[in-house]
Amino acid sequence: MFKKNLLLLLGVVILAILPILFLQDAEFGGADGEAEEAITEIAADYEPWFSAIWEPPSGEIESLLFVLQGVIGALIIGYFIGYMRGKHTKDHAEH
């Protein structure tokens, strides 16, 4: 089981590093910018019907909040998976 997890972790690390190594001049932008470009291309006079309630003061703060949101989601998912696995293990131990 340890070997399997180690291989999976190694695979994830390789998948994360390969694009950085091979695409050094590439821009890794988000989907929001791509969507804005597509909308502008289709309808140049489009006006958004709402605006942001709060704009982060810098790109670093925006990135921090994005990562924090991902961490909180991963913690919730990890807790649920651990809880279900513990419940499953407990049920099998009783029988």
C-alpha atoms as a PDB file:
ATOM      1  CA  MET A   1       0.000   0.000   0.000  1.00  0.00           C
ATOM      2  CA  PHE A   2       2.873   2.384   0.841  1.00  0.00           C
ATOM      3  CA  LYS A   3       4.542   1.741  -2.528  1.00  0.00           C
ATOM      4  CA  LYS A   4       1.301   2.418  -4.360  1.00  0.00           C
ATOM      5  CA  ASN A   5       0.781   5.728  -2.535  1.00  0.00           C
ATOM      6  CA  LEU A   6       4.388   6.729  -3.127  1.00  0.00           C
ATOM      7  CA  LEU A   7       4.069   6.009  -6.861  1.00  0.00           C
ATOM      8  CA  LEU A   8       0.845   8.016  -7.054  1.00  0.00           C
ATOM      9  CA  LEU A   9       2.472  10.948  -5.256  1.00  0.00           C
ATOM     10  CA  LEU A  10       5.485  10.763  -7.565  1.00  0.00           C
ATOM     11  CA  GLY A  11       3.136  10.776 -10.573  1.00  0.00           C
ATOM     12  CA  VAL A  12       1.359  13.885  -9.330  1.00  0.00           C
ATOM     13  CA  VAL A  13       4.663  15.681  -8.742  1.00  0.00           C
ATOM     14  CA  ILE A  14       5.886  14.763 -12.227  1.00  0.00           C
ATOM     15  CA  LEU A  15       2.624  15.959 -13.799  1.00  0.00           C
ATOM     16  CA  ALA A  16       2.951  19.262 -11.956  1.00  0.00           C
ATOM     17  CA  ILE A  17       6.608  19.841 -12.851  1.00  0.00           C
ATOM     18  CA  LEU A  18       6.656  18.744 -16.525  1.00  0.00           C
ATOM     19  CA  PRO A  19       4.644  21.700 -17.899  1.00  0.00           C
ATOM     20  CA  ILE A  20       6.850  24.146 -16.012  1.00  0.00           C
ATOM     21  CA  LEU A  21      10.015  22.579 -17.429  1.00  0.00           C
ATOM     22  CA  PHE A  22       8.894  22.156 -21.036  1.00  0.00           C
ATOM     23  CA  LEU A  23       6.734  25.277 -21.415  1.00  0.00           C
ATOM     24  CA  GLN A  24       8.996  27.888 -19.843  1.00  0.00           C
ATOM     25  CA  ASP A  25       7.712  30.825 -21.933  1.00  0.00           C
ATOM     26  CA  ALA A  26       4.040  29.879 -21.609  1.00  0.00           C
ATOM     27  CA  GLU A  27       1.470  31.903 -19.716  1.00  0.00           C
ATOM     28  CA  PHE A  28      -0.539  29.902 -17.222  1.00  0.00           C
ATOM     29  CA  GLY A  29      -3.648  32.080 -17.006  1.00  0.00           C
ATOM     30  CA  GLY A  30      -7.027  31.263 -15.598  1.00  0.00           C
ATOM     31  CA  ALA A  31     -10.304  30.553 -17.324  1.00  0.00           C
ATOM     32  CA  ASP A  32     -11.695  33.986 -16.406  1.00  0.00           C
ATOM     33  CA  GLY A  33      -9.337  35.778 -18.771  1.00  0.00           C
ATOM     34  CA  GLU A  34     -10.059  33.327 -21.572  1.00  0.00           C
ATOM     35  CA  ALA A  35     -13.817  33.763 -21.083  1.00  0.00           C
ATOM     36  CA  GLU A  36     -13.493  37.546 -21.145  1.00  0.00           C
ATOM     37  CA  GLU A  37     -11.535  37.370 -24.416  1.00  0.00           C
ATOM     38  CA  ALA A  38     -14.124  35.046 -25.993  1.00  0.00           C
ATOM     39  CA  ILE A  39     -17.032  37.280 -24.949  1.00  0.00           C
ATOM     40  CA  THR A  40     -15.289  40.387 -26.267  1.00  0.00           C
ATOM     41  CA  GLU A  41     -14.594  38.593 -29.545  1.00  0.00           C
ATOM     42  CA  ILE A  42     -18.236  37.536 -29.938  1.00  0.00           C
ATOM     43  CA  ALA A  43     -19.901  40.761 -28.732  1.00  0.00           C
ATOM     44  CA  ALA A  44     -17.517  43.726 -28.497  1.00  0.00           C
ATOM     45  CA  ASP A  45     -20.184  45.998 -26.969  1.00  0.00           C
ATOM     46  CA  TYR A  46     -21.122  43.554 -24.147  1.00  0.00           C
ATOM     47  CA  GLU A  47     -21.496  45.185 -20.728  1.00  0.00           C
ATOM     48  CA  PRO A  48     -21.376  42.950 -17.622  1.00  0.00           C
ATOM     49  CA  TRP A  49     -24.620  43.065 -15.634  1.00  0.00           C
ATOM     50  CA  PHE A  50     -22.876  42.949 -12.247  1.00  0.00           C
ATOM     51  CA  SER A  51     -19.577  43.881 -10.676  1.00  0.00           C
ATOM     52  CA  ALA A  52     -17.474  42.389  -7.894  1.00  0.00           C
ATOM     53  CA  ILE A  53     -18.515  43.253  -4.328  1.00  0.00           C
ATOM     54  CA  TRP A  54     -14.871  43.419  -3.224  1.00  0.00           C
ATOM     55  CA  GLU A  55     -11.715  43.494  -5.290  1.00  0.00           C
ATOM     56  CA  PRO A  56      -8.559  42.106  -3.617  1.00  0.00           C
ATOM     57  CA  PRO A  57      -5.869  44.783  -3.270  1.00  0.00           C
ATOM     58  CA  SER A  58      -3.259  42.754  -5.194  1.00  0.00           C
ATOM     59  CA  GLY A  59      -2.762  39.643  -7.286  1.00  0.00           C
ATOM     60  CA  GLU A  60      -0.902  37.994  -4.401  1.00  0.00           C
ATOM     61  CA  ILE A  61      -3.883  38.407  -2.076  1.00  0.00           C
ATOM     62  CA  GLU A  62      -6.180  37.050  -4.779  1.00  0.00           C
ATOM     63  CA  SER A  63      -3.896  34.021  -5.214  1.00  0.00           C
ATOM     64  CA  LEU A  64      -3.741  33.511  -1.448  1.00  0.00           C
ATOM     65  CA  LEU A  65      -7.533  33.498  -1.168  1.00  0.00           C
ATOM     66  CA  PHE A  66      -7.804  31.096  -4.097  1.00  0.00           C
ATOM     67  CA  VAL A  67      -5.322  28.682  -2.502  1.00  0.00           C
ATOM     68  CA  LEU A  68      -7.020  29.023   0.889  1.00  0.00           C
ATOM     69  CA  GLN A  69     -10.341  28.115  -0.712  1.00  0.00           C
ATOM     70  CA  GLY A  70      -8.745  25.020  -2.263  1.00  0.00           C
ATOM     71  CA  VAL A  71      -7.174  23.992   1.051  1.00  0.00           C
ATOM     72  CA  ILE A  72     -10.469  24.293   2.897  1.00  0.00           C
ATOM     73  CA  GLY A  73     -12.189  22.194   0.225  1.00  0.00           C
ATOM     74  CA  ALA A  74      -9.437  19.564   0.356  1.00  0.00           C
ATOM     75  CA  LEU A  75      -9.690  19.406   4.159  1.00  0.00           C
ATOM     76  CA  ILE A  76     -13.442  18.868   3.996  1.00  0.00           C
ATOM     77  CA  ILE A  77     -13.088  16.142   1.354  1.00  0.00           C
ATOM     78  CA  GLY A  78     -10.195  14.520   3.245  1.00  0.00           C
ATOM     79  CA  TYR A  79     -12.166  14.546   6.501  1.00  0.00           C
ATOM     80  CA  PHE A  80     -15.184  12.953   4.808  1.00  0.00           C
ATOM     81  CA  ILE A  81     -13.064  10.238   3.159  1.00  0.00           C
ATOM     82  CA  GLY A  82     -11.262   9.526   6.454  1.00  0.00           C
ATOM     83  CA  TYR A  83     -14.542   9.419   8.345  1.00  0.00           C
ATOM     84  CA  MET A  84     -16.106   7.001   5.867  1.00  0.00           C
ATOM     85  CA  ARG A  85     -12.993   4.796   5.858  1.00  0.00           C
ATOM     86  CA  GLY A  86     -12.933   4.734   9.662  1.00  0.00           C
ATOM     87  CA  LYS A  87     -16.629   3.902   9.753  1.00  0.00           C
ATOM     88  CA  HIS A  88     -16.095   1.117   7.203  1.00  0.00           C
ATOM     89  CA  THR A  89     -13.135  -0.285   9.201  1.00  0.00           C
ATOM     90  CA  LYS A  90     -15.128  -0.145  12.444  1.00  0.00           C
ATOM     91  CA  ASP A  91     -18.084  -1.959  10.853  1.00  0.00           C
ATOM     92  CA  HIS A  92     -15.825  -4.780   9.617  1.00  0.00           C
ATOM     93  CA  ALA A  93     -14.095  -5.057  12.986  1.00  0.00           C
ATOM     94  CA  GLU A  94     -17.432  -5.661  14.735  1.00  0.00           C
ATOM     95  CA  HIS A  95     -18.331  -8.637  12.544  1.00  0.00           C
END
